Amino acid sequence: MNTLLADPPVLADSEQPSPEAPGAAPQGSAPEPLQPTPAASQRVCANCGSPLDAGQDWCLQCGSGAPGSLDAGGPSWRSAATVIAATAILAIGAAAAAYAALSREGAHKPRSVTLKVAQVPAAAIPSVTTPATSTPGTPGATPTPKASKAPATNPLLAPGAGKPPKIPLTASTPKSSGTTTTPSSNTNESGLTSTEPPTPILLDTNAASTYNPYGYPASEFGDPSLTIDGETSTGWTAQVNPAVAPKMAEGVAIDLKTAQKVSALTLISSTPGMTVQVYGANGHTLPGSITDPAWVALSRARDVKKRKTHIKLRASNKAFRFVTLWISKAPAASIGTPPDRAPPTHVAVEELELFPTT
């Protein structure tokens, strides 16, 4: 079936559409396509409103992510990475600068400090005199000139401010008078010389006995142990026989128990004027008489003139077990019977001390 197309009818002028009517399309023409709104055709930044191009994920104004990007709606991890990278670069640069500063030549050398010390005027420093060295003079020898005075130097002065004093290498020797002085010593009445008081030999309490070789009655003698008891107020006594006065023949014997070297004897007596002598012997018992050859005379016969008498003994380099103080004469006052006073009736020995050979 064939369709015939006819021309549209012609409208009158009153029926023509007005061109000013908005949105009215001319009759007989195709409608124009709708223009897209800006919101539909272009994206904008959700943070600052700046326009975003197609495919743009980041705002060039504020750096925020575009809608739909990985950073949209949250914190920017790319910004954090940028900050961390910048910090690392700064740290590396600081380390490189420090290393360069430390490795510079001469960086470790300490600075030299110069101190200025005030100088003291030479006139204010006292002078020091160097002692001259004295040597024994010889006839015709040239005398040694004395050292001149040199100003002392102050250790605080700068170098070159003064010369150090000369120090003598030899000390001066004092001149001797030609005599030698020895320490003073004590000399006793017997000539025994010692620098300090000697110590007597320690004796047993039974070491002293009466030496009575001629058999006089025992009642005529006192206790011999009182001669070694250390008390000067008591002592041994022996009666004087007026018929034979002033002769006597008895004494006090000391038994040392073993042979010892004896150098001196000290006697304290309240009857001065008697004559005594010291003997020494060895053996197990005392010799039978004072004339026995076993006795060795250790001193000469001497008169006791004072209360205390020191007797230096002979043969001090020989050892003896027995030492006897022998009394051969009584005081001269015991002879006869003076009309004004009675003669002494006894002799006394208050103390005996023996001293070893040193």
Protein backbone atom coordinates (compact mmCIF):
# COMPACT_ATOMS: atom_id res chain seq x y z
CA MET A 1 0.00 0.00 0.00
CA ASN A 2 1.45 3.31 -0.94
CA THR A 3 1.34 6.22 1.57
CA LEU A 4 1.11 9.64 0.12
CA LEU A 5 2.69 12.47 1.88
CA ALA A 6 0.81 15.75 1.74
CA ASP A 7 2.09 19.22 2.49
CA PRO A 8 1.17 20.55 5.97
CA PRO A 9 -1.57 23.02 6.02
CA VAL A 10 -0.72 26.69 5.93
CA LEU A 11 -1.67 28.43 9.09
CA ALA A 12 -2.78 31.89 9.28
CA ASP A 13 -0.54 34.56 10.77
CA SER A 14 -2.52 34.57 13.90
CA GLU A 15 -1.95 30.95 14.29
CA GLN A 16 1.87 31.15 13.92
CA PRO A 17 3.69 30.55 17.21
CA SER A 18 5.27 33.53 18.80
CA PRO A 19 9.04 33.49 18.73
CA GLU A 20 9.28 35.19 22.19
CA ALA A 21 7.48 32.30 23.89
CA PRO A 22 10.11 30.68 26.03
CA GLY A 23 10.71 27.11 25.41
CA ALA A 24 8.59 27.06 22.27
CA ALA A 25 10.21 25.36 19.41
CA PRO A 26 9.55 26.49 15.89
CA GLN A 27 6.90 24.53 14.25
CA GLY A 28 7.99 21.92 11.87
CA SER A 29 11.66 21.75 13.42
CA ALA A 30 13.22 19.12 15.66
CA PRO A 31 13.53 19.91 19.35
CA GLU A 32 17.01 21.12 20.52
CA PRO A 33 18.94 18.81 22.93
CA LEU A 34 19.03 19.79 26.61
CA GLN A 35 22.27 21.48 27.75
CA PRO A 36 23.86 19.74 30.82
CA THR A 37 24.03 21.75 33.99
CA PRO A 38 27.41 22.67 35.46
CA ALA A 39 26.91 20.24 38.29
CA ALA A 40 26.35 17.44 35.85
CA SER A 41 29.25 18.21 33.48
CA GLN A 42 32.13 19.42 35.83
CA ARG A 43 33.36 18.25 39.24
CA VAL A 44 34.33 20.60 42.05
CA CYS A 45 36.53 20.18 45.17
CA ALA A 46 34.46 19.17 48.16
CA ASN A 47 36.81 21.18 50.45
CA CYS A 48 37.30 24.54 48.70
CA GLY A 49 34.86 24.34 45.70
CA SER A 50 37.55 24.70 43.03
CA PRO A 51 36.69 23.04 39.66
CA LEU A 52 38.26 19.68 38.96
CA ASP A 53 39.06 18.35 35.49
CA ALA A 54 38.07 14.93 34.33
CA GLY A 55 40.44 12.35 35.82
CA GLN A 56 41.85 14.83 38.39
CA ASP A 57 42.15 13.10 41.79
CA TRP A 58 43.68 15.99 43.76
CA CYS A 59 42.73 19.61 44.22
CA LEU A 60 45.44 21.94 43.04
CA GLN A 61 44.33 24.62 45.48
CA CYS A 62 44.07 22.84 48.84
CA GLY A 63 45.47 19.38 48.04
CA SER A 64 42.31 17.49 49.04
CA GLY A 65 41.37 14.35 47.23
CA ALA A 66 38.60 14.37 44.64
CA PRO A 67 35.45 12.41 45.29
CA GLY A 68 36.09 8.77 44.58
CA SER A 69 39.91 8.97 45.02
CA LEU A 70 41.80 6.90 47.55
CA ASP A 71 42.16 9.92 49.89
CA ALA A 72 38.56 11.08 49.59
CA GLY A 73 36.86 11.51 52.91
CA GLY A 74 40.05 10.74 55.02
CA PRO A 75 43.49 12.06 55.86
CA SER A 76 45.95 12.38 53.02
CA TRP A 77 48.58 9.59 53.20
CA ARG A 78 50.45 11.21 50.36
CA SER A 79 50.84 14.39 52.42
CA ALA A 80 52.21 12.37 55.33
CA ALA A 81 54.62 10.59 53.04
CA THR A 82 55.74 13.93 51.67
CA VAL A 83 56.38 15.27 55.18
CA ILE A 84 58.31 12.15 56.19
CA ALA A 85 60.41 12.29 53.04
CA ALA A 86 61.23 15.96 53.63
CA THR A 87 62.21 15.25 57.27
CA ALA A 88 64.47 12.39 56.18
CA ILE A 89 66.14 14.61 53.59
CA LEU A 90 66.78 17.31 56.22
CA ALA A 91 68.21 14.75 58.69
CA ILE A 92 70.53 13.34 56.04
CA GLY A 93 71.67 16.82 55.12
CA ALA A 94 72.38 17.70 58.78
CA ALA A 95 74.38 14.48 59.27
CA ALA A 96 76.41 15.19 56.13
CA ALA A 97 77.14 18.72 57.32
CA ALA A 98 78.26 17.46 60.76
CA TYR A 99 80.53 14.84 59.24
CA ALA A 100 82.07 17.43 56.94
CA ALA A 101 82.68 19.75 59.88
CA LEU A 102 84.35 17.00 61.97
CA SER A 103 86.51 15.74 59.12
CA ARG A 104 87.96 19.13 58.33
CA GLU A 105 91.72 19.34 58.83
CA GLY A 106 92.60 20.86 62.17
CA ALA A 107 89.05 20.59 63.56
CA HIS A 108 90.26 18.60 66.63
CA LYS A 109 93.22 20.76 67.48
CA PRO A 110 92.72 22.60 70.82
CA ARG A 111 92.88 26.29 70.80
CA SER A 112 96.03 27.72 72.29
CA VAL A 113 95.44 30.16 75.09
CA THR A 114 98.04 32.78 75.88
CA LEU A 115 98.09 34.12 79.43
CA LYS A 116 99.69 37.38 80.18
CA VAL A 117 101.49 37.47 83.53
CA ALA A 118 102.31 40.72 85.15
CA GLN A 119 106.03 41.29 85.46
CA VAL A 120 107.50 42.34 88.77
CA PRO A 121 110.19 45.02 88.62
CA ALA A 122 113.65 43.63 89.23
CA ALA A 123 114.24 46.22 91.96
CA ALA A 124 111.41 44.75 94.05
CA ILE A 125 112.91 41.22 94.10
CA PRO A 126 115.29 40.49 97.02
CA SER A 127 118.69 39.23 96.08
CA VAL A 128 119.95 35.80 97.06
CA THR A 129 123.58 35.31 97.96
CA THR A 130 125.15 32.08 96.80
CA PRO A 131 127.38 30.64 99.55
CA ALA A 132 130.99 30.23 98.58
CA THR A 133 132.59 26.80 98.68
CA SER A 134 135.34 26.59 101.25
CA THR A 135 138.24 24.17 100.84
CA PRO A 136 141.20 23.52 103.13
CA GLY A 137 143.79 26.15 102.40
CA THR A 138 147.34 25.30 101.41
CA PRO A 139 150.37 27.61 101.57
CA GLY A 140 150.84 29.53 98.36
CA ALA A 141 147.50 28.46 96.89
CA THR A 142 145.44 31.01 95.03
CA PRO A 143 142.36 31.95 97.05
CA THR A 144 139.06 31.06 95.47
CA PRO A 145 137.02 34.17 94.63
CA LYS A 146 133.68 34.44 96.34
CA ALA A 147 130.55 34.08 94.28
CA SER A 148 128.93 37.38 93.38
CA LYS A 149 125.40 38.23 94.37
CA ALA A 150 122.84 37.43 91.73
CA PRO A 151 119.29 38.67 91.77
CA ALA A 152 116.74 36.01 92.49
CA THR A 153 114.31 35.15 89.78
CA ASN A 154 110.61 35.04 90.19
CA PRO A 155 109.11 31.84 88.74
CA LEU A 156 106.12 33.91 87.56
CA LEU A 157 108.23 36.13 85.32
CA ALA A 158 108.10 35.63 81.57
CA PRO A 159 111.04 33.79 79.95
CA GLY A 160 114.08 35.98 79.65
CA ALA A 161 113.01 38.34 82.44
CA GLY A 162 115.81 37.16 84.75
CA LYS A 163 118.56 34.54 85.17
CA PRO A 164 118.14 31.69 87.71
CA PRO A 165 120.48 31.76 90.73
CA LYS A 166 123.49 29.47 90.72
CA ILE A 167 123.28 26.47 93.04
CA PRO A 168 126.57 25.31 94.62
CA LEU A 169 127.46 21.74 93.74
CA THR A 170 129.56 21.15 96.87
CA ALA A 171 128.59 21.91 100.44
CA SER A 172 130.94 23.83 102.69
CA THR A 173 132.78 21.69 105.25
CA PRO A 174 133.05 23.19 108.75
CA LYS A 175 136.57 23.52 110.06
CA SER A 176 137.44 21.15 112.87
CA SER A 177 139.43 22.25 115.89
CA GLY A 178 141.54 19.10 115.79
CA THR A 179 140.02 17.61 118.95
CA THR A 180 137.44 14.84 119.16
CA THR A 181 134.61 15.15 121.66
CA THR A 182 133.32 11.96 123.22
CA PRO A 183 130.18 11.56 125.29
CA SER A 184 130.69 12.18 128.96
CA SER A 185 130.82 9.09 131.15
CA ASN A 186 130.53 8.41 134.85
CA THR A 187 133.65 7.29 136.70
CA ASN A 188 133.20 5.65 140.08
CA GLU A 189 135.62 5.61 142.99
CA SER A 190 137.35 2.46 141.76
CA GLY A 191 137.98 3.89 138.30
CA LEU A 192 135.14 1.91 136.69
CA THR A 193 133.91 3.95 133.73
CA SER A 194 130.47 3.50 132.21
CA THR A 195 128.10 5.56 130.08
CA GLU A 196 125.00 4.29 131.90
CA PRO A 197 124.34 2.70 135.29
CA PRO A 198 125.27 -1.00 135.08
CA THR A 199 122.82 -3.70 136.07
CA PRO A 200 124.01 -5.99 138.89
CA ILE A 201 123.96 -9.77 138.64
CA LEU A 202 120.72 -11.29 139.91
CA LEU A 203 121.54 -13.56 142.85
CA ASP A 204 119.65 -16.37 144.56
CA THR A 205 118.39 -15.68 148.07
CA ASN A 206 120.78 -18.34 149.46
CA ALA A 207 123.80 -17.22 147.41
CA ALA A 208 125.51 -15.42 150.38
CA SER A 209 127.27 -17.25 153.23
CA THR A 210 129.79 -16.47 155.99
CA TYR A 211 133.30 -17.45 154.96
CA ASN A 212 134.87 -18.62 158.26
CA PRO A 213 137.83 -20.87 157.37
CA TYR A 214 139.41 -20.59 160.84
CA GLY A 215 136.43 -21.81 162.80
CA TYR A 216 135.35 -18.81 164.86
CA PRO A 217 132.13 -19.36 166.84
CA ALA A 218 129.07 -18.98 164.62
CA SER A 219 127.46 -16.78 167.28
CA GLU A 220 129.95 -14.04 166.44
CA PHE A 221 128.40 -13.56 162.96
CA GLY A 222 125.14 -12.20 161.66
CA ASP A 223 122.88 -13.38 158.83
CA PRO A 224 124.79 -13.23 155.51
CA SER A 225 121.56 -13.25 153.42
CA LEU A 226 120.94 -9.67 154.61
CA THR A 227 123.82 -8.54 152.40
CA ILE A 228 121.88 -9.36 149.21
CA ASP A 229 118.27 -8.51 150.25
CA GLY A 230 118.33 -4.98 148.75
CA GLU A 231 117.82 -3.31 152.16
CA THR A 232 120.62 -1.00 153.34
CA SER A 233 119.15 -0.80 156.87
CA THR A 234 120.03 -4.44 157.63
CA GLY A 235 123.25 -6.38 157.11
CA TRP A 236 125.75 -9.03 158.13
CA THR A 237 128.01 -8.38 161.14
CA ALA A 238 131.22 -9.93 162.58
CA GLN A 239 132.47 -9.33 166.14
CA VAL A 240 135.93 -7.88 166.74
CA ASN A 241 138.17 -9.75 169.18
CA PRO A 242 139.88 -7.10 171.31
CA ALA A 243 142.76 -9.50 172.04
CA VAL A 244 143.89 -9.54 168.43
CA ALA A 245 142.28 -6.29 167.17
CA PRO A 246 142.47 -4.83 164.64
CA LYS A 247 143.28 -8.16 162.96
CA MET A 248 140.36 -10.13 161.50
CA ALA A 249 140.09 -13.22 159.29
CA GLU A 250 136.54 -13.71 157.95
CA GLY A 251 134.31 -12.50 155.18
CA VAL A 252 131.16 -12.92 153.03
CA ALA A 253 131.20 -15.40 150.12
CA ILE A 254 128.83 -15.22 147.11
CA ASP A 255 128.00 -18.40 145.18
CA LEU A 256 127.03 -17.55 141.56
CA LYS A 257 126.02 -21.21 140.98
CA THR A 258 127.80 -21.13 137.60
CA ALA A 259 131.08 -19.56 136.50
CA GLN A 260 130.54 -15.95 135.39
CA LYS A 261 132.74 -13.01 134.46
CA VAL A 262 132.62 -10.27 137.07
CA SER A 263 133.96 -6.76 136.50
CA ALA A 264 133.12 -4.85 139.70
CA LEU A 265 131.80 -5.10 143.26
CA THR A 266 129.84 -2.52 145.25
CA LEU A 267 130.07 -2.48 149.06
CA ILE A 268 127.81 -0.58 151.47
CA SER A 269 129.07 -0.58 155.09
CA SER A 270 128.21 1.33 158.24
CA THR A 271 131.71 0.73 159.69
CA PRO A 272 134.18 2.58 157.45
CA GLY A 273 137.88 2.17 158.22
CA MET A 274 138.11 -1.61 157.81
CA THR A 275 140.45 -3.22 155.25
CA VAL A 276 138.94 -5.49 152.59
CA GLN A 277 140.06 -7.50 149.53
CA VAL A 278 138.14 -9.42 146.83
CA TYR A 279 138.96 -13.01 145.78
CA GLY A 280 137.55 -15.39 143.17
CA ALA A 281 137.60 -19.17 142.88
CA ASN A 282 136.06 -22.09 141.01
CA GLY A 283 135.13 -25.57 142.07
CA HIS A 284 132.25 -27.28 143.83
CA THR A 285 133.04 -25.90 147.31
CA LEU A 286 134.86 -22.93 148.82
CA PRO A 287 138.61 -23.34 149.31
CA GLY A 288 139.66 -24.34 152.88
CA SER A 289 141.62 -21.16 153.64
CA ILE A 290 142.21 -17.72 152.20
CA THR A 291 145.79 -18.77 151.41
CA ASP A 292 144.62 -21.67 149.26
CA PRO A 293 146.05 -21.42 145.72
CA ALA A 294 142.53 -21.89 144.36
CA TRP A 295 141.79 -18.31 145.31
CA VAL A 296 142.63 -15.62 142.78
CA ALA A 297 143.07 -12.06 144.09
CA LEU A 298 140.65 -9.86 142.11
CA SER A 299 141.66 -6.61 143.87
CA ARG A 300 144.32 -5.21 146.13
CA ALA A 301 143.76 -4.73 149.86
CA ARG A 302 142.12 -1.35 150.39
CA ASP A 303 140.68 0.72 153.22
CA VAL A 304 136.97 1.41 153.14
CA LYS A 305 136.69 5.15 153.77
CA LYS A 306 133.08 5.80 152.78
CA ARG A 307 129.75 4.16 153.33
CA LYS A 308 129.52 3.13 149.66
CA THR A 309 132.58 1.84 147.82
CA HIS A 310 132.94 0.66 144.20
CA ILE A 311 135.80 -1.76 143.55
CA LYS A 312 136.94 -2.54 140.02
CA LEU A 313 138.05 -6.16 139.76
CA ARG A 314 141.03 -7.67 137.98
CA ALA A 315 140.85 -10.64 135.62
CA SER A 316 137.41 -9.54 134.47
CA ASN A 317 137.83 -11.73 131.37
CA LYS A 318 137.91 -14.88 133.53
CA ALA A 319 134.85 -16.60 134.92
CA PHE A 320 134.49 -17.49 138.60
CA ARG A 321 131.78 -19.28 140.56
CA PHE A 322 132.71 -17.97 144.02
CA VAL A 323 133.47 -14.33 144.85
CA THR A 324 134.44 -13.46 148.44
CA LEU A 325 134.75 -10.12 150.25
CA TRP A 326 137.57 -10.82 152.74
CA ILE A 327 137.96 -8.58 155.82
CA SER A 328 141.55 -8.57 157.13
CA LYS A 329 141.43 -5.60 159.52
CA ALA A 330 138.88 -3.86 161.68
CA PRO A 331 138.77 -0.07 161.92
CA ALA A 332 141.73 1.48 163.75
CA ALA A 333 139.41 2.82 166.43
CA SER A 334 138.95 -0.73 167.67
CA ILE A 335 142.55 -0.83 168.96
CA GLY A 336 142.73 -0.30 172.74
CA THR A 337 140.07 1.32 174.85
CA PRO A 338 139.89 5.10 174.39
CA PRO A 339 138.73 6.86 177.58
CA ASP A 340 136.13 9.03 175.78
CA ARG A 341 134.25 6.30 173.88
CA ALA A 342 133.95 2.54 173.60
CA PRO A 343 135.75 0.83 170.70
CA PRO A 344 133.62 -0.70 167.93
CA THR A 345 132.68 -4.29 168.76
CA HIS A 346 131.90 -5.45 165.21
CA VAL A 347 132.19 -4.71 161.52
CA ALA A 348 129.12 -4.59 159.25
CA VAL A 349 128.33 -5.22 155.59
CA GLU A 350 124.83 -3.96 154.68
CA GLU A 351 124.84 -4.68 150.91
CA LEU A 352 126.98 -6.43 148.28
CA GLU A 353 126.41 -6.17 144.51
CA LEU A 354 128.35 -7.87 141.70
CA PHE A 355 128.41 -6.54 138.12
CA PRO A 356 129.04 -8.65 135.03
CA THR A 357 131.69 -7.99 132.41
CA THR A 358 130.20 -6.31 129.35
